PDB file of N, CA and C in Angstrom:
ATOM      1  N   MET A   1     -43.068 141.081  43.391  1.00  0.00           N
ATOM      2  CA  MET A   1     -42.678 140.894  42.011  1.00  0.00           C
ATOM      3  C   MET A   1     -42.303 142.246  41.425  1.00  0.00           C
ATOM      4  N   ASP A   2     -41.115 142.325  40.841  1.00  0.00           N
ATOM      5  CA  ASP A   2     -40.677 143.537  40.154  1.00  0.00           C
ATOM      6  C   ASP A   2     -41.005 143.422  38.676  1.00  0.00           C
ATOM      7  N   ARG A   3     -41.325 144.558  38.067  1.00  0.00           N
ATOM      8  CA  ARG A   3     -41.678 144.591  36.644  1.00  0.00           C
ATOM      9  C   ARG A   3     -40.720 145.555  35.950  1.00  0.00           C
ATOM     10  N   TYR A   4     -40.249 145.155  34.760  1.00  0.00           N
ATOM     11  CA  TYR A   4     -39.275 145.932  34.004  1.00  0.00           C
ATOM     12  C   TYR A   4     -39.757 146.160  32.578  1.00  0.00           C
ATOM     13  N   ARG A   5     -39.343 147.289  31.996  1.00  0.00           N
ATOM     14  CA  ARG A   5     -39.628 147.597  30.591  1.00  0.00           C
ATOM     15  C   ARG A   5     -38.289 147.746  29.867  1.00  0.00           C
ATOM     16  N   CYS A   6     -38.193 147.116  28.702  1.00  0.00           N
ATOM     17  CA  CYS A   6     -36.987 147.223  27.891  1.00  0.00           C
ATOM     18  C   CYS A   6     -36.922 148.634  27.298  1.00  0.00           C
ATOM     19  N   LYS A   7     -35.820 149.323  27.508  1.00  0.00           N
ATOM     20  CA  LYS A   7     -35.708 150.699  27.043  1.00  0.00           C
ATOM     21  C   LYS A   7     -34.927 150.843  25.742  1.00  0.00           C
ATOM     22  N   GLU A   8     -34.329 149.750  25.254  1.00  0.00           N
ATOM     23  CA  GLU A   8     -33.602 149.755  23.984  1.00  0.00           C
ATOM     24  C   GLU A   8     -33.516 148.309  23.497  1.00  0.00           C
ATOM     25  N   SER A   9     -33.881 148.072  22.241  1.00  0.00           N
ATOM     26  CA  SER A   9     -33.802 146.715  21.689  1.00  0.00           C
ATOM     27  C   SER A   9     -32.362 146.215  21.718  1.00  0.00           C
ATOM     28  N   PHE A  10     -32.201 144.908  21.944  1.00  0.00           N
ATOM     29  CA  PHE A  10     -30.879 144.295  21.937  1.00  0.00           C
ATOM     30  C   PHE A  10     -31.017 142.816  21.615  1.00  0.00           C
ATOM     31  N   GLU A  11     -29.906 142.197  21.229  1.00  0.00           N
ATOM     32  CA  GLU A  11     -29.886 140.774  20.902  1.00  0.00           C
ATOM     33  C   GLU A  11     -29.082 140.001  21.930  1.00  0.00           C
ATOM     34  N   ILE A  12     -29.539 138.768  22.191  1.00  0.00           N
ATOM     35  CA  ILE A  12     -28.800 137.859  23.053  1.00  0.00           C
ATOM     36  C   ILE A  12     -28.747 136.500  22.367  1.00  0.00           C
ATOM     37  N   PRO A  13     -27.745 135.682  22.694  1.00  0.00           N
ATOM     38  CA  PRO A  13     -27.674 134.344  22.104  1.00  0.00           C
ATOM     39  C   PRO A  13     -28.856 133.492  22.558  1.00  0.00           C
ATOM     40  N   LEU A  14     -29.379 132.691  21.652  1.00  0.00           N
ATOM     41  CA  LEU A  14     -30.440 131.748  21.969  1.00  0.00           C
ATOM     42  C   LEU A  14     -29.805 130.547  22.668  1.00  0.00           C
ATOM     43  N   CYS A  15     -30.349 130.170  23.828  1.00  0.00           N
ATOM     44  CA  CYS A  15     -29.815 129.060  24.605  1.00  0.00           C
ATOM     45  C   CYS A  15     -30.927 128.083  24.948  1.00  0.00           C
ATOM     46  N   ASP A  16     -30.527 126.851  25.281  1.00  0.00           N
ATOM     47  CA  ASP A  16     -31.525 125.879  25.714  1.00  0.00           C
ATOM     48  C   ASP A  16     -31.777 126.040  27.211  1.00  0.00           C
ATOM     49  N   ASP A  17     -32.620 125.183  27.768  1.00  0.00           N
ATOM     50  CA  ASP A  17     -32.983 125.294  29.181  1.00  0.00           C
ATOM     51  C   ASP A  17     -31.822 125.051  30.136  1.00  0.00           C
ATOM     52  N   ASP A  18     -30.729 124.471  29.635  1.00  0.00           N
ATOM     53  CA  ASP A  18     -29.554 124.221  30.461  1.00  0.00           C
ATOM     54  C   ASP A  18     -28.490 125.291  30.295  1.00  0.00           C
ATOM     55  N   GLY A  19     -28.798 126.341  29.516  1.00  0.00           N
ATOM     56  CA  GLY A  19     -27.868 127.447  29.336  1.00  0.00           C
ATOM     57  C   GLY A  19     -26.842 127.234  28.239  1.00  0.00           C
ATOM     58  N   ARG A  20     -26.985 126.161  27.448  1.00  0.00           N
ATOM     59  CA  ARG A  20     -26.052 125.917  26.350  1.00  0.00           C
ATOM     60  C   ARG A  20     -26.463 126.741  25.135  1.00  0.00           C
ATOM     61  N   SER A  21     -25.469 127.336  24.476  1.00  0.00           N
ATOM     62  CA  SER A  21     -25.731 128.147  23.284  1.00  0.00           C
ATOM     63  C   SER A  21     -26.273 127.284  22.162  1.00  0.00           C
ATOM     64  N   ASP A  22     -27.105 127.889  21.340  1.00  0.00           N
ATOM     65  CA  ASP A  22     -27.651 127.234  20.164  1.00  0.00           C
ATOM     66  C   ASP A  22     -26.509 126.821  19.245  1.00  0.00           C
ATOM     67  N   GLU A  23     -26.554 125.609  18.728  1.00  0.00           N
ATOM     68  CA  GLU A  23     -25.451 125.121  17.884  1.00  0.00           C
ATOM     69  C   GLU A  23     -25.350 125.865  16.563  1.00  0.00           C
ATOM     70  N   ASN A  24     -26.372 126.608  16.171  1.00  0.00           N
ATOM     71  CA  ASN A  24     -26.330 127.401  14.942  1.00  0.00           C
ATOM     72  C   ASN A  24     -26.064 128.878  15.213  1.00  0.00           C
ATOM     73  N   ASP A  25     -25.693 129.196  16.443  1.00  0.00           N
ATOM     74  CA  ASP A  25     -25.370 130.571  16.860  1.00  0.00           C
ATOM     75  C   ASP A  25     -26.496 131.559  16.575  1.00  0.00           C
ATOM     76  N   ARG A  26     -27.749 131.099  16.716  1.00  0.00           N
ATOM     77  CA  ARG A  26     -28.884 131.993  16.527  1.00  0.00           C
ATOM     78  C   ARG A  26     -28.998 132.943  17.720  1.00  0.00           C
ATOM     79  N   THR A  27     -29.640 134.074  17.472  1.00  0.00           N
ATOM     80  CA  THR A  27     -29.878 135.062  18.524  1.00  0.00           C
ATOM     81  C   THR A  27     -31.371 135.365  18.588  1.00  0.00           C
ATOM     82  N   ILE A  28     -31.757 136.018  19.657  1.00  0.00           N
ATOM     83  CA  ILE A  28     -33.129 136.478  19.818  1.00  0.00           C
ATOM     84  C   ILE A  28     -33.068 137.971  20.130  1.00  0.00           C
ATOM     85  N   THR A  29     -34.002 138.717  19.569  1.00  0.00           N
ATOM     86  CA  THR A  29     -34.061 140.156  19.810  1.00  0.00           C
ATOM     87  C   THR A  29     -35.090 140.452  20.885  1.00  0.00           C
ATOM     88  N   ILE A  30     -34.675 141.173  21.893  1.00  0.00           N
ATOM     89  CA  ILE A  30     -35.575 141.665  22.927  1.00  0.00           C
ATOM     90  C   ILE A  30     -35.973 143.071  22.483  1.00  0.00           C
ATOM     91  N   GLU A  31     -37.244 143.258  22.244  1.00  0.00           N
ATOM     92  CA  GLU A  31     -37.727 144.501  21.648  1.00  0.00           C
ATOM     93  C   GLU A  31     -37.948 145.614  22.673  1.00  0.00           C
ATOM     94  N   LYS A  32     -37.614 146.814  22.275  1.00  0.00           N
ATOM     95  CA  LYS A  32     -37.873 148.008  23.080  1.00  0.00           C
ATOM     96  C   LYS A  32     -39.366 148.075  23.412  1.00  0.00           C
ATOM     97  N   GLY A  33     -39.673 148.395  24.647  1.00  0.00           N
ATOM     98  CA  GLY A  33     -41.058 148.559  25.080  1.00  0.00           C
ATOM     99  C   GLY A  33     -41.696 147.302  25.648  1.00  0.00           C
ATOM    100  N   THR A  34     -41.057 146.135  25.448  1.00  0.00           N
ATOM    101  CA  THR A  34     -41.638 144.920  26.014  1.00  0.00           C
ATOM    102  C   THR A  34     -41.494 144.948  27.534  1.00  0.00           C
ATOM    103  N   GLU A  35     -42.446 144.315  28.210  1.00  0.00           N
ATOM    104  CA  GLU A  35     -42.470 144.320  29.672  1.00  0.00           C
ATOM    105  C   GLU A  35     -42.227 142.914  30.195  1.00  0.00           C
ATOM    106  N   TRP A  36     -41.449 142.852  31.269  1.00  0.00           N
ATOM    107  CA  TRP A  36     -40.989 141.586  31.831  1.00  0.00           C
ATOM    108  C   TRP A  36     -41.138 141.600  33.342  1.00  0.00           C
ATOM    109  N   ASN A  37     -41.393 140.432  33.923  1.00  0.00           N
ATOM    110  CA  ASN A  37     -41.539 140.275  35.370  1.00  0.00           C
ATOM    111  C   ASN A  37     -40.370 139.498  35.951  1.00  0.00           C
ATOM    112  N   ASP A  38     -39.900 139.930  37.097  1.00  0.00           N
ATOM    113  CA  ASP A  38     -38.951 139.158  37.887  1.00  0.00           C
ATOM    114  C   ASP A  38     -39.767 138.459  38.960  1.00  0.00           C
ATOM    115  N   GLU A  39     -39.963 137.166  38.798  1.00  0.00           N
ATOM    116  CA  GLU A  39     -40.769 136.399  39.753  1.00  0.00           C
ATOM    117  C   GLU A  39     -40.032 136.180  41.070  1.00  0.00           C
ATOM    118  N   GLY A  40     -38.718 136.364  41.058  1.00  0.00           N
ATOM    119  CA  GLY A  40     -37.951 136.332  42.286  1.00  0.00           C
ATOM    120  C   GLY A  40     -37.509 134.977  42.793  1.00  0.00           C
ATOM    121  N   ASP A  41     -38.180 133.900  42.419  1.00  0.00           N
ATOM    122  CA  ASP A  41     -37.825 132.603  42.987  1.00  0.00           C
ATOM    123  C   ASP A  41     -37.442 131.570  41.927  1.00  0.00           C
ATOM    124  N   ALA A  42     -37.211 131.991  40.695  1.00  0.00           N
ATOM    125  CA  ALA A  42     -36.874 131.059  39.617  1.00  0.00           C
ATOM    126  C   ALA A  42     -35.411 130.650  39.709  1.00  0.00           C
ATOM    127  N   TYR A  43     -35.133 129.408  39.342  1.00  0.00           N
ATOM    128  CA  TYR A  43     -33.757 128.935  39.228  1.00  0.00           C
ATOM    129  C   TYR A  43     -33.095 129.677  38.074  1.00  0.00           C
ATOM    130  N   VAL A  44     -31.871 130.146  38.270  1.00  0.00           N
ATOM    131  CA  VAL A  44     -31.160 130.910  37.256  1.00  0.00           C
ATOM    132  C   VAL A  44     -29.866 130.185  36.902  1.00  0.00           C
ATOM    133  N   VAL A  45     -29.729 129.791  35.640  1.00  0.00           N
ATOM    134  CA  VAL A  45     -28.532 129.090  35.180  1.00  0.00           C
ATOM    135  C   VAL A  45     -27.287 129.947  35.401  1.00  0.00           C
ATOM    136  N   LEU A  46     -27.435 131.267  35.270  1.00  0.00           N
ATOM    137  CA  LEU A  46     -26.305 132.181  35.425  1.00  0.00           C
ATOM    138  C   LEU A  46     -25.874 132.366  36.881  1.00  0.00           C
ATOM    139  N   GLY A  47     -26.601 131.785  37.811  1.00  0.00           N
ATOM    140  CA  GLY A  47     -26.262 131.917  39.220  1.00  0.00           C
ATOM    141  C   GLY A  47     -26.612 133.280  39.771  1.00  0.00           C
ATOM    142  N   LYS A  48     -25.879 133.698  40.793  1.00  0.00           N
ATOM    143  CA  LYS A  48     -26.211 134.952  41.487  1.00  0.00           C
ATOM    144  C   LYS A  48     -25.996 136.196  40.631  1.00  0.00           C
ATOM    145  N   ASP A  49     -25.246 136.072  39.532  1.00  0.00           N
ATOM    146  CA  ASP A  49     -25.005 137.217  38.644  1.00  0.00           C
ATOM    147  C   ASP A  49     -26.112 137.399  37.611  1.00  0.00           C
ATOM    148  N   GLY A  50     -27.094 136.490  37.597  1.00  0.00           N
ATOM    149  CA  GLY A  50     -28.137 136.549  36.593  1.00  0.00           C
ATOM    150  C   GLY A  50     -29.501 136.809  37.176  1.00  0.00           C
ATOM    151  N   ILE A  51     -30.424 137.111  36.280  1.00  0.00           N
ATOM    152  CA  ILE A  51     -31.807 137.325  36.669  1.00  0.00           C
ATOM    153  C   ILE A  51     -32.697 136.655  35.628  1.00  0.00           C
ATOM    154  N   HIS A  52     -33.764 136.037  36.081  1.00  0.00           N
ATOM    155  CA  HIS A  52     -34.726 135.342  35.223  1.00  0.00           C
ATOM    156  C   HIS A  52     -35.942 136.245  35.089  1.00  0.00           C
ATOM    157  N   LEU A  53     -36.261 136.630  33.847  1.00  0.00           N
ATOM    158  CA  LEU A  53     -37.411 137.494  33.576  1.00  0.00           C
ATOM    159  C   LEU A  53     -38.422 136.735  32.728  1.00  0.00           C
ATOM    160  N   GLU A  54     -39.695 136.977  32.996  1.00  0.00           N
ATOM    161  CA  GLU A  54     -40.766 136.352  32.228  1.00  0.00           C
ATOM    162  C   GLU A  54     -41.687 137.427  31.668  1.00  0.00           C
ATOM    163  N   ALA A  55     -42.115 137.211  30.412  1.00  0.00           N
ATOM    164  CA  ALA A  55     -43.049 138.125  29.762  1.00  0.00           C
ATOM    165  C   ALA A  55     -44.462 137.590  29.909  1.00  0.00           C
ATOM    166  N   ASP A  56     -45.437 138.437  29.659  1.00  0.00           N
ATOM    167  CA  ASP A  56     -46.836 138.039  29.775  1.00  0.00           C
ATOM    168  C   ASP A  56     -47.227 136.953  28.778  1.00  0.00           C
ATOM    169  N   ASN A  57     -46.467 136.820  27.679  1.00  0.00           N
ATOM    170  CA  ASN A  57     -46.777 135.805  26.668  1.00  0.00           C
ATOM    171  C   ASN A  57     -46.061 134.478  26.949  1.00  0.00           C
ATOM    172  N   TYR A  58     -45.577 134.298  28.168  1.00  0.00           N
ATOM    173  CA  TYR A  58     -44.891 133.094  28.649  1.00  0.00           C
ATOM    174  C   TYR A  58     -43.478 132.931  28.106  1.00  0.00           C
ATOM    175  N   SER A  59     -42.946 133.942  27.411  1.00  0.00           N
ATOM    176  CA  SER A  59     -41.540 133.924  27.035  1.00  0.00           C
ATOM    177  C   SER A  59     -40.717 134.198  28.280  1.00  0.00           C
ATOM    178  N   TRP A  60     -39.488 133.770  28.273  1.00  0.00           N
ATOM    179  CA  TRP A  60     -38.606 134.063  29.394  1.00  0.00           C
ATOM    180  C   TRP A  60     -37.183 134.229  28.892  1.00  0.00           C
ATOM    181  N   LEU A  61     -36.367 134.884  29.700  1.00  0.00           N
ATOM    182  CA  LEU A  61     -34.961 135.043  29.387  1.00  0.00           C
ATOM    183  C   LEU A  61     -34.174 135.159  30.671  1.00  0.00           C
ATOM    184  N   GLU A  62     -32.908 134.829  30.562  1.00  0.00           N
ATOM    185  CA  GLU A  62     -31.974 135.039  31.658  1.00  0.00           C
ATOM    186  C   GLU A  62     -30.856 135.923  31.145  1.00  0.00           C
ATOM    187  N   ILE A  63     -30.590 136.974  31.894  1.00  0.00           N
ATOM    188  CA  ILE A  63     -29.531 137.909  31.526  1.00  0.00           C
ATOM    189  C   ILE A  63     -28.735 138.252  32.782  1.00  0.00           C
ATOM    190  N   THR A  64     -27.580 138.846  32.563  1.00  0.00           N
ATOM    191  CA  THR A  64     -26.787 139.303  33.690  1.00  0.00           C
ATOM    192  C   THR A  64     -27.415 140.566  34.275  1.00  0.00           C
ATOM    193  N   ARG A  65     -27.083 140.839  35.486  1.00  0.00           N
ATOM    194  CA  ARG A  65     -27.597 142.061  36.125  1.00  0.00           C
ATOM    195  C   ARG A  65     -27.056 143.312  35.429  1.00  0.00           C
ATOM    196  N   ASP A  66     -25.859 143.218  34.851  1.00  0.00           N
ATOM    197  CA  ASP A  66     -25.317 144.347  34.087  1.00  0.00           C
ATOM    198  C   ASP A  66     -26.194 144.669  32.883  1.00  0.00           C
ATOM    199  N   LEU A  67     -26.645 143.613  32.156  1.00  0.00           N
ATOM    200  CA  LEU A  67     -27.547 143.839  31.017  1.00  0.00           C
ATOM    201  C   LEU A  67     -28.895 144.373  31.487  1.00  0.00           C
ATOM    202  N   LEU A  68     -29.368 143.891  32.627  1.00  0.00           N
ATOM    203  CA  LEU A  68     -30.617 144.407  33.187  1.00  0.00           C
ATOM    204  C   LEU A  68     -30.506 145.911  33.406  1.00  0.00           C
ATOM    205  N   ASP A  69     -29.426 146.345  34.035  1.00  0.00           N
ATOM    206  CA  ASP A  69     -29.225 147.771  34.303  1.00  0.00           C
ATOM    207  C   ASP A  69     -29.085 148.584  33.019  1.00  0.00           C
ATOM    208  N   GLU A  70     -28.467 147.994  31.995  1.00  0.00           N
ATOM    209  CA  GLU A  70     -28.219 148.716  30.746  1.00  0.00           C
ATOM    210  C   GLU A  70     -29.473 148.844  29.872  1.00  0.00           C
ATOM    211  N   TYR A  71     -30.280 147.782  29.800  1.00  0.00           N
ATOM    212  CA  TYR A  71     -31.366 147.739  28.827  1.00  0.00           C
ATOM    213  C   TYR A  71     -32.780 147.800  29.404  1.00  0.00           C
ATOM    214  N   PHE A  72     -32.919 147.783  30.715  1.00  0.00           N
ATOM    215  CA  PHE A  72     -34.251 147.778  31.301  1.00  0.00           C
ATOM    216  C   PHE A  72     -34.404 148.880  32.336  1.00  0.00           C
ATOM    217  N   GLU A  73     -35.634 149.314  32.493  1.00  0.00           N
ATOM    218  CA  GLU A  73     -35.961 150.254  33.564  1.00  0.00           C
ATOM    219  C   GLU A  73     -37.038 149.610  34.439  1.00  0.00           C
ATOM    220  N   LYS A  74     -36.883 149.790  35.718  1.00  0.00           N
ATOM    221  CA  LYS A  74     -37.874 149.260  36.652  1.00  0.00           C
ATOM    222  C   LYS A  74     -39.133 150.105  36.595  1.00  0.00           C
ATOM    223  N   MET A  75     -40.259 149.441  36.494  1.00  0.00           N
ATOM    224  CA  MET A  75     -41.538 150.156  36.443  1.00  0.00           C
ATOM    225  C   MET A  75     -42.059 150.344  37.857  1.00  0.00           C
ATOM    226  N   THR A  76     -42.747 151.433  38.078  1.00  0.00           N
ATOM    227  CA  THR A  76     -43.276 151.682  39.420  1.00  0.00           C
ATOM    228  C   THR A  76     -44.744 151.377  39.493  1.00  0.00           C
TER     229      THR A  76
END
């Protein structure tokens, strides 16, 4: 399991479990300093270009690998 820390706050569109955007165009802010786990075996709506991350508070998000590289650092 890889663990990541958000290095800069950013917003992403709020989506349902099927990857559809919220009909009210709401967003969610991922806060700087929050820590996330890559469980490695989760189904990802974004396919091979995406990654599924889970927080300790049972929140989860799916982002592209480009966003992962831009906004997160791998913890050792």
